Structure formats: C-alpha cells, structure tokens
Protein backbone atom coordinates (compact mmCIF):
# COMPACT_ATOMS: atom_id res chain seq x y z
CA MET A 1 0.00 0.00 0.00
CA VAL A 2 1.34 3.41 -0.98
CA GLU A 3 1.16 5.72 2.02
CA ASP A 4 -0.23 9.22 1.68
CA PHE A 5 3.11 10.78 2.64
CA GLU A 6 4.81 8.87 -0.20
CA VAL A 7 2.37 10.35 -2.71
CA ALA A 8 2.99 13.83 -1.30
CA ILE A 9 6.78 13.43 -1.59
CA SER A 10 6.48 12.26 -5.20
CA GLN A 11 4.39 15.36 -5.96
CA GLY A 12 6.87 17.73 -4.28
CA GLN A 13 4.49 18.56 -1.44
CA LEU A 14 6.90 18.39 1.51
CA ALA A 15 4.62 20.19 3.96
CA GLY A 16 1.81 17.79 3.13
CA ALA A 17 4.11 14.77 3.53
CA VAL A 18 5.30 15.93 6.95
CA SER A 19 1.73 16.70 8.01
CA HIS A 20 0.63 13.19 7.06
CA VAL A 21 3.47 11.65 9.09
CA LEU A 22 2.99 13.81 12.17
CA ALA A 23 -0.74 13.10 12.13
CA LYS A 24 -0.25 9.34 12.22
CA PRO A 25 -1.59 7.68 15.41
CA LEU A 26 0.97 5.89 17.59
CA PRO A 27 -0.16 2.38 16.56
CA PHE A 28 0.94 3.19 13.00
CA PHE A 29 4.57 3.02 14.19
CA ASN A 30 4.25 -0.39 15.84
CA SER A 31 6.01 -2.15 12.94
CA THR A 32 8.96 0.29 13.04
CA PRO A 33 12.16 -1.45 14.24
CA LEU A 34 13.61 -0.03 17.45
CA HIS A 35 17.34 -0.63 17.90
CA ILE A 36 18.38 -0.28 21.55
CA ALA A 37 22.10 -0.05 22.30
CA VAL A 38 23.18 -1.35 25.71
CA VAL A 39 26.40 0.51 26.56
CA GLY A 40 28.70 1.02 29.53
CA GLU A 41 32.00 -0.04 31.02
CA PRO A 42 33.35 -3.58 30.80
CA GLY A 43 32.16 -5.70 33.70
CA SER A 44 29.20 -3.46 34.46
CA GLY A 45 26.77 -6.25 33.62
CA LYS A 46 25.60 -5.26 30.12
CA SER A 47 25.41 -8.82 28.77
CA SER A 48 23.76 -10.12 31.94
CA PHE A 49 21.26 -7.26 31.72
CA ILE A 50 20.36 -8.25 28.15
CA ASN A 51 19.86 -11.87 29.23
CA ALA A 52 17.59 -10.72 32.05
CA MET A 53 15.58 -8.56 29.63
CA LEU A 54 15.21 -11.51 27.27
CA GLY A 55 14.35 -13.92 30.07
CA LEU A 56 17.31 -16.18 29.26
CA ARG A 57 19.67 -18.06 31.54
CA ALA A 58 23.39 -17.56 31.04
CA ASP A 59 23.79 -21.15 29.81
CA ASP A 60 21.10 -20.75 27.13
CA PRO A 61 22.69 -20.95 23.65
CA ARG A 62 20.71 -17.84 22.64
CA ALA A 63 22.02 -15.82 25.58
CA ALA A 64 24.69 -13.13 25.50
CA VAL A 65 28.06 -14.40 26.69
CA THR A 66 28.91 -13.36 30.23
CA GLY A 67 31.95 -13.80 32.45
CA ILE A 68 34.31 -12.26 34.97
CA GLN A 69 36.60 -10.96 32.25
CA MET A 70 35.50 -8.79 29.33
CA THR A 71 33.61 -11.11 26.97
CA THR A 72 31.90 -8.75 24.51
CA VAL A 73 34.31 -7.64 21.80
CA GLN A 74 31.84 -7.16 18.92
CA VAL A 75 28.42 -5.59 18.64
CA LYS A 76 25.74 -8.29 18.59
CA ASP A 77 21.97 -8.10 18.22
CA TYR A 78 19.36 -9.87 20.36
CA PRO A 79 15.70 -9.59 19.24
CA HIS A 80 13.29 -9.23 22.13
CA PRO A 81 10.99 -12.27 22.40
CA THR A 82 7.78 -10.40 23.29
CA LEU A 83 8.23 -6.76 22.25
CA PRO A 84 7.68 -6.58 18.46
CA GLN A 85 10.54 -5.24 16.36
CA VAL A 86 12.69 -4.43 19.38
CA ILE A 87 16.35 -5.39 19.07
CA LEU A 88 18.82 -5.11 21.94
CA TRP A 89 22.44 -4.62 20.92
CA ASP A 90 25.26 -5.74 23.19
CA HIS A 91 28.29 -3.45 22.92
CA PRO A 92 31.94 -3.82 23.93
CA GLY A 93 32.83 -1.94 27.09
CA ARG A 94 34.11 1.58 26.95
CA GLY A 95 37.09 3.11 28.67
CA THR A 96 39.61 0.26 28.98
CA PRO A 97 43.20 -0.06 27.75
CA THR A 98 42.22 -3.09 25.67
CA PHE A 99 39.25 -1.35 24.09
CA GLY A 100 39.74 2.37 24.55
CA GLU A 101 37.72 5.31 23.34
CA ASP A 102 39.45 5.59 19.95
CA LYS A 103 38.92 1.93 19.14
CA PHE A 104 35.32 2.13 20.31
CA GLU A 105 34.61 5.13 18.10
CA LYS A 106 36.12 3.39 15.05
CA LYS A 107 34.32 0.13 15.71
CA VAL A 108 30.90 1.40 16.82
CA ASP A 109 28.82 4.24 15.38
CA LEU A 110 26.15 5.03 17.94
CA ASN A 111 24.21 7.05 15.36
CA HIS A 112 22.89 3.75 14.01
CA PHE A 113 20.85 3.16 17.16
CA ASP A 114 17.53 4.66 18.20
CA PHE A 115 17.59 4.40 21.98
CA PHE A 116 20.14 3.63 24.69
CA VAL A 117 20.46 1.88 28.00
CA ILE A 118 23.55 2.96 29.92
CA VAL A 119 24.49 0.22 32.39
CA GLY A 120 26.69 1.16 35.33
CA SER A 121 27.77 -0.47 38.55
CA GLN A 122 29.32 0.98 41.70
CA ARG A 123 29.74 4.75 41.23
CA PHE A 124 28.93 7.14 38.37
CA ARG A 125 32.10 7.52 36.26
CA SER A 126 33.48 9.78 33.56
CA THR A 127 32.71 7.08 30.99
CA HIS A 128 29.03 7.45 31.82
CA SER A 129 29.29 11.24 31.48
CA ASP A 130 30.87 10.84 28.04
CA LEU A 131 28.10 8.51 26.92
CA VAL A 132 25.39 10.83 28.24
CA ARG A 133 26.86 13.81 26.38
CA GLU A 134 27.26 11.82 23.17
CA ILE A 135 23.69 10.52 23.28
CA GLN A 136 22.30 13.99 24.04
CA ASP A 137 24.33 15.51 21.19
CA MET A 138 22.53 13.07 18.88
CA GLY A 139 19.20 14.25 20.31
CA LYS A 140 18.30 10.77 21.53
CA SER A 141 16.98 9.34 24.79
CA PHE A 142 18.25 6.77 27.26
CA TYR A 143 17.61 4.95 30.52
CA PHE A 144 20.33 4.75 33.15
CA VAL A 145 20.47 1.33 34.78
CA ARG A 146 22.44 0.87 37.98
CA ALA A 147 23.13 -2.86 37.96
CA LYS A 148 24.37 -5.22 40.67
CA ALA A 149 22.09 -3.80 43.35
CA ASP A 150 22.42 -7.05 45.29
CA LEU A 151 26.18 -6.52 45.62
CA ASP A 152 25.65 -2.90 46.71
CA LEU A 153 23.26 -4.01 49.42
CA SER A 154 25.60 -6.72 50.64
CA ALA A 155 28.47 -4.23 50.87
CA ALA A 156 26.31 -1.70 52.73
CA LYS A 157 25.16 -4.39 55.19
CA ARG A 158 28.75 -5.44 55.93
CA GLN A 159 29.88 -1.85 56.43
CA GLN A 160 27.00 -0.73 58.71
CA PRO A 161 25.20 -3.83 59.99
CA SER A 162 23.53 -2.03 62.89
CA ASP A 163 22.22 0.88 60.81
CA TYR A 164 21.41 -1.09 57.65
CA ASN A 165 18.20 -0.13 55.85
CA GLU A 166 17.68 -1.58 52.37
CA GLU A 167 15.20 1.07 51.27
CA LYS A 168 17.49 3.93 52.32
CA VAL A 169 20.49 2.38 50.56
CA LEU A 170 18.56 1.96 47.29
CA LEU A 171 17.16 5.50 47.53
CA HIS A 172 20.64 6.91 48.14
CA ILE A 173 22.01 5.08 45.07
CA GLN A 174 19.18 6.32 42.88
CA GLU A 175 19.43 9.94 44.07
CA ASP A 176 23.19 9.92 43.54
CA CYS A 177 22.76 8.70 39.94
CA LYS A 178 20.08 11.30 39.26
CA GLU A 179 22.22 14.12 40.63
CA CYS A 180 25.11 13.10 38.39
CA LEU A 181 22.83 12.96 35.34
CA VAL A 182 21.28 16.34 36.13
CA ARG A 183 24.79 17.82 36.27
CA GLU A 184 25.23 16.55 32.71
CA GLY A 185 22.15 18.50 31.65
CA VAL A 186 19.64 15.62 31.68
CA ARG A 187 16.10 16.69 32.50
CA ASP A 188 14.01 14.24 34.51
CA PRO A 189 16.51 11.36 34.22
CA GLN A 190 15.09 7.86 34.33
CA VAL A 191 17.20 5.72 36.68
CA PHE A 192 16.51 2.08 37.49
CA ILE A 193 18.24 0.07 40.23
CA VAL A 194 18.37 -3.59 39.23
CA SER A 195 19.98 -6.92 39.87
CA ASN A 196 20.52 -8.92 36.70
CA TRP A 197 20.14 -12.16 38.69
CA GLU A 198 16.82 -11.18 40.23
CA ALA A 199 14.65 -9.90 37.40
CA ASP A 200 11.57 -9.81 39.60
CA CYS A 201 13.17 -7.61 42.29
CA PHE A 202 14.09 -3.95 42.73
CA ASP A 203 13.30 -1.78 39.66
CA PHE A 204 13.50 -4.49 37.03
CA PRO A 205 9.72 -4.95 36.70
CA LEU A 206 9.31 -1.16 36.61
CA LEU A 207 11.97 -0.91 33.89
CA GLN A 208 10.23 -3.49 31.73
CA GLU A 209 6.86 -1.84 32.21
CA THR A 210 8.29 1.61 31.46
CA LEU A 211 9.88 0.39 28.23
CA LYS A 212 6.61 -1.24 27.22
CA ASN A 213 4.72 2.02 27.86
CA ASP A 214 7.31 4.16 26.06
CA LEU A 215 7.66 1.77 23.13
CA LEU A 216 5.35 3.38 20.58
CA ARG A 217 6.65 6.89 21.32
CA LEU A 218 10.22 5.66 20.92
CA LYS A 219 9.30 3.96 17.66
CA ARG A 220 7.69 7.17 16.45
CA GLN A 221 10.91 9.05 17.18
CA ALA A 222 12.88 6.38 15.31
CA PHE A 223 10.55 6.60 12.32
CA LEU A 224 10.81 10.40 12.17
CA ARG A 225 14.61 10.22 12.19
CA ARG A 226 14.56 7.62 9.43
CA PHE A 227 11.86 9.36 7.41
CA PRO A 228 14.28 11.11 5.01
CA SER A 229 15.96 7.75 4.34
CA ILE A 230 12.56 6.08 3.94
CA CYS A 231 11.87 8.63 1.21
CA LEU A 232 15.03 7.75 -0.75
CA PRO A 233 13.35 5.25 -3.12
CA ILE A 234 10.67 7.84 -3.87
CA LEU A 235 13.30 10.52 -4.53
CA GLU A 236 15.32 8.17 -6.75
CA LYS A 237 12.22 7.46 -8.82
CA LYS A 238 11.49 11.17 -9.01
CA LYS A 239 15.07 11.86 -10.17
CA THR A 240 14.53 9.42 -13.05
CA THR A 241 11.28 11.13 -13.99
CA VAL A 242 12.85 14.58 -13.91
CA LYS A 243 15.83 13.42 -15.98
CA GLU A 244 13.43 12.17 -18.64
CA LYS A 245 11.94 15.64 -18.79
CA ILE A 246 15.36 17.02 -19.75
CA TRP A 247 15.19 15.17 -23.05
CA THR A 248 11.54 15.96 -23.71
CA LYS A 249 10.13 19.20 -22.36
CA ARG A 250 13.55 20.72 -21.61
CA LEU A 251 15.47 19.68 -24.70
CA CYS A 252 15.42 23.22 -26.05
CA LEU A 253 16.92 24.47 -22.79
CA LEU A 254 19.71 21.93 -23.09
CA VAL A 255 20.53 23.08 -26.59
CA ALA A 256 20.44 26.72 -25.55
CA LEU A 257 22.69 26.06 -22.58
CA GLY A 258 25.12 24.14 -24.76
CA SER A 259 25.36 26.69 -27.51
CA PRO A 260 28.55 28.71 -28.00
CA VAL A 261 27.27 31.95 -26.47
CA PRO A 262 28.71 34.20 -23.77
CA PHE A 263 28.72 32.28 -20.53
CA LEU A 264 26.36 34.70 -18.76
CA LEU A 265 23.46 33.40 -20.85
CA PRO A 266 24.02 29.74 -19.80
CA ILE A 267 24.17 30.95 -16.19
CA PHE A 268 20.83 32.72 -16.61
CA LEU A 269 19.24 29.69 -18.27
CA PHE A 270 20.69 27.35 -15.64
CA SER A 271 19.14 29.54 -12.96
CA LYS A 272 15.77 29.08 -14.65
CA PHE A 273 16.24 25.33 -14.85
CA ARG A 274 17.27 25.14 -11.20
CA SER A 275 14.16 27.10 -10.18
CA TRP A 276 11.99 24.70 -12.16
CA CYS A 277 13.79 21.75 -10.57
CA PHE A 278 13.32 23.14 -7.05
CA LEU A 279 9.65 23.71 -7.80
CA ASP A 280 9.25 20.09 -8.92
CA PHE A 281 10.90 18.76 -5.75
CA GLY A 282 9.09 21.19 -3.44
CA LEU A 283 12.14 23.30 -2.58
CA ASP A 284 10.85 26.61 -3.95
CA ASN A 285 10.27 29.49 -1.55
CA PRO A 286 6.48 29.08 -1.10
CA SER A 287 6.85 25.33 -0.49
CA LEU A 288 9.64 25.84 2.04
CA ALA A 289 7.62 28.55 3.78
CA ALA A 290 4.65 26.17 4.10
CA LEU A 291 6.91 23.42 5.47
CA ALA A 292 8.58 25.82 7.90
CA GLN A 293 5.21 26.96 9.21
CA ARG A 294 4.09 23.34 9.67
CA VAL A 295 7.11 22.36 11.76
CA GLY A 296 7.58 25.65 13.61
CA LYS A 297 10.87 26.61 11.99
CA THR A 298 12.01 29.41 9.71
CA SER A 299 12.50 29.13 5.97
CA THR A 300 16.05 30.35 6.51
CA ALA A 301 16.81 27.37 8.74
CA LEU A 302 15.50 24.95 6.13
CA LYS A 303 17.36 26.67 3.29
CA ALA A 304 20.58 26.47 5.32
CA ALA A 305 20.37 22.67 5.05
CA MET A 306 20.52 22.81 1.24
CA GLN A 307 23.91 22.15 -0.37
CA SER A 308 23.15 21.70 -4.07
CA LEU A 309 24.85 23.47 -6.94
CA GLY A 310 24.63 27.24 -6.42
CA MET A 311 25.07 30.09 -8.83
CA PHE A 312 28.72 30.70 -7.91
CA SER A 313 29.54 27.03 -8.48
CA ALA A 314 27.61 27.14 -11.75
CA MET A 315 29.79 30.05 -12.89
CA LEU A 316 32.89 27.98 -12.21
CA TRP A 317 31.41 25.15 -14.24
CA VAL A 318 31.03 27.36 -17.34
CA LEU A 319 34.51 28.87 -17.16
CA PRO A 320 35.85 26.27 -19.64
CA ASP A 321 33.50 27.87 -22.19
CA LEU A 322 35.94 30.80 -22.27
CA VAL A 323 38.43 28.51 -24.02
CA GLY A 324 36.06 28.02 -26.94
CA LEU A 325 35.16 31.70 -27.00
CA SER A 326 38.84 32.66 -27.03
CA VAL A 327 39.51 30.36 -29.97
CA MET A 328 36.48 31.80 -31.78
CA ALA A 329 37.72 35.35 -31.21
CA TYR A 330 41.26 34.52 -32.32
CA GLU A 331 40.04 32.67 -35.41
CA TYR A 332 37.75 35.53 -36.40
CA HIS A 333 40.30 38.33 -35.91
CA ARG A 334 43.35 36.40 -37.12
CA TRP A 335 41.89 34.88 -40.29
CA GLU A 336 38.85 37.13 -40.67
CA HIS A 337 36.33 34.39 -41.42
CA PHE A 338 33.55 32.64 -39.60
CA PRO A 339 35.11 30.81 -36.60
CA ILE A 340 34.15 27.28 -37.63
CA PHE A 341 36.80 25.51 -35.53
CA GLY A 342 36.04 27.72 -32.52
CA CYS A 343 32.32 26.98 -32.76
CA LEU A 344 32.93 23.24 -32.93
CA LEU A 345 35.25 23.42 -29.94
CA SER A 346 32.73 25.49 -27.96
CA VAL A 347 29.92 23.05 -28.67
CA GLY A 348 32.21 20.13 -27.78
CA ILE A 349 32.91 21.74 -24.42
CA SER A 350 29.46 23.17 -23.71
CA LEU A 351 27.21 20.19 -24.40
CA PRO A 352 28.92 17.68 -22.04
CA ARG A 353 29.29 20.39 -19.42
CA THR A 354 25.63 21.29 -19.74
CA TYR A 355 24.52 17.69 -19.43
CA LEU A 356 26.60 17.24 -16.26
CA MET A 357 25.32 20.51 -14.80
CA LEU A 358 21.69 19.52 -15.29
CA GLN A 359 22.30 16.03 -13.92
CA LYS A 360 24.04 17.51 -10.90
CA CYS A 361 21.23 19.99 -10.41
CA ILE A 362 18.64 17.19 -10.32
CA SER A 363 20.69 14.98 -8.00
CA GLY A 364 21.41 17.96 -5.77
CA ALA A 365 17.71 18.80 -5.52
CA ALA A 366 16.92 15.21 -4.48
CA ASP A 367 19.68 15.27 -1.86
CA ASP A 368 18.50 18.66 -0.63
CA THR A 369 15.00 17.27 -0.22
CA LYS A 370 16.36 14.65 2.17
CA ARG A 371 18.37 17.27 4.07
CA VAL A 372 15.42 19.63 4.35
CA LEU A 373 13.17 16.84 5.64
CA SER A 374 15.83 15.91 8.22
CA LYS A 375 16.03 19.51 9.38
CA ALA A 376 12.25 19.90 9.42
CA LEU A 377 11.71 16.81 11.59
CA GLU A 378 14.74 17.43 13.80
CA ALA A 379 12.74 18.89 16.68
CA ASP A 380 10.13 16.13 16.72
CA GLY A 381 12.81 13.46 16.57
CA LYS A 382 14.52 14.98 19.61
CA LYS A 383 11.46 15.24 21.82
CA SER A 384 12.02 13.33 25.03
CA ILE A 385 9.78 10.47 25.98
C-alpha cells in the first residue's frame, strides 16, 4: 500500500508529507524497528542485563556471553521475544586499555541506534558522562540502569550492619545517579536500580513496564529520524522522472545552454532550470515557507540545510567555455572568417558540461529534499519520551 506521505513526496508537497506523518496515530509506528544499544563499562553487567531482559539463563545458547573478564568484543543483536521489532544490541565496554575510546569510536557508530540503556555499577564515572553527552548531542533518549544492586546491598550491610536499611540504601544510590545525570544536563533522568540475577526484584519490573509504555513513542521518534531515508526510493524514482523531462520538455533548454554563447546566458538559463527543478521537488520558496510553518521553523533554517549546486559554483562550471570563446575570437580576428573551428570546440565543451550541470542539479535537488526533511523533523525526533 502506498502511504499518503509517499504520494505527497512524489508530488513535491513536503509540507503535506510531513503533516501526514505527524498526524499518524501511535499504533501506525508499531512495525517500526527499534534498535536499543546497551552501553557502559566492561564488567558493568551489560550482557547479563540483556539476558535478564530476554528472560534467558546464562547457559542458554541464545544468551549473551557473560563472564568475569571482558567477553563482549563485537556488537551483537538480540531480538526481544515479546516486544515486536525491538532489538537489543550488546556493545563492547568503553574506557579500557584493551578497548579504549578511539577503538570504540572506530568500531561502533552510535548514530545507528535509536535508543540507549547505559548500564553502570558501583559509582557514576566519567565514561558514563561521556556517553550521556554523546547521546544527548545526537538528540536521543536513554535509561540509566544501575546494575548489581544485590552486591551494593551486601556491601552496605557489611559496612554498617547495625544501621542497615535496604530502602534507604537503594534510595541513596538512585538519588546519587540522578544528581550526576542532572549535572550533565539531563532533564528528569530515568534511573533504574536492578539486579541482573533477580529480574523480579528492585526496579527491574518497573523498567520493563516503562519500556513497554514508552515503546510506541520511541518507535515514532525512530521513524521520524529515518523518514528522510525512507523517502530515498521515492526521490530516486522522481530523479529518473525529472531526468526524462530534460530530453523531452527541456530539450530546447539543453541546446540553448550548450550553444557557443557568452557564458552569462548559460548561467541565466541554468538559474531558470534550477528554479523549475526546485519547484518540482518542493524546494521553492512558497513550499519551504509552508513546510517551515508546519514544523515551527524558519524558511532560513530549512534553506541552510541545502547544499546543491549554487550560482557561484555554476559560474565555475562554465569557465571552460571561455576557451572556446577565445579560440572563436582569435580565429575571427586572425583569419577574418567565420570561426568554424572555434564553434565546434565550444559546442564540444558546452554540451557535455551542460549535461553534467543539469544532472548535478537534479541529484542535488533530491539530496537537498532529504536534508530539508531531516532539518524539518529534527525537533520532533529529539522530543524526550
């Protein structure tokens, strides 16, 4: 079934396409995949946390590998058994000599993931701060999970057996984590105290219920971020259609642009073609103004996302035409006859250049459409859950 927003994109109605998407009810996004990255330091209990979320024992062949030493060295996916289209991704630990920050950055691109669970044990560390800042810079959300609560309680009981109070210890751990997250600029941080070996204790049931309740909103955010990429097949088809128009309705423009005339005329005609191309893709000023109004942004902000061939670049493209014009002038003044060789040279330079310019203009307009959509939906994709 062709969705209404796909039809709008193919017709160059970007504001209409965005309106259709934003108006979709939450159940529409249920089939959207949600990729959740589980990140943290080595030994913090990331793999055990994934097994607990999946309801698997450590000795189950489908379970994530766990151990005393660092066992996760590659990113691996684990589909959730009951939450549809939810995939948990186990990541190598951050901040160790064997797998330091540089290696992590080269091996793992966190931009590929939609949501995050930062797993920590013991105290809040600089590694957690780095992850929080990185995730927030991407405009994405996360839960902070303080694992190994059973070990924390055992340690507290040994240290102060006479004054031991489980509820106070857990509250102190949670408040400490929240304070650290607030210092990193997190508003209303979601912190869960869990034990990976006791999935029915502490905050583990609350965590699972919270994820279940947040699921459709998270999937909506994921869909909005992917929407420009979802539109790629439509834009590719539109590029093909527009290119066909070059050889039909715009053939005369191609000939005019490729003719051996002063290069200011090709620039003027290229400007006209670019305006027509922008109009066809929905990048003209009225269309951008309508889109800006729909998403609560300015037209200037949307135009700033565009990077296609501009007029200055187009002028550089036609500079080789001066070679043909120079030969024409020399031939005319030196031999005083019609510059046949100069005309042939000019046409030989102008026609291929013109074809490439028009092709680049069409491809640039398609790419700009994706960029503008990304910019337009940026705010909605960053809304917290």
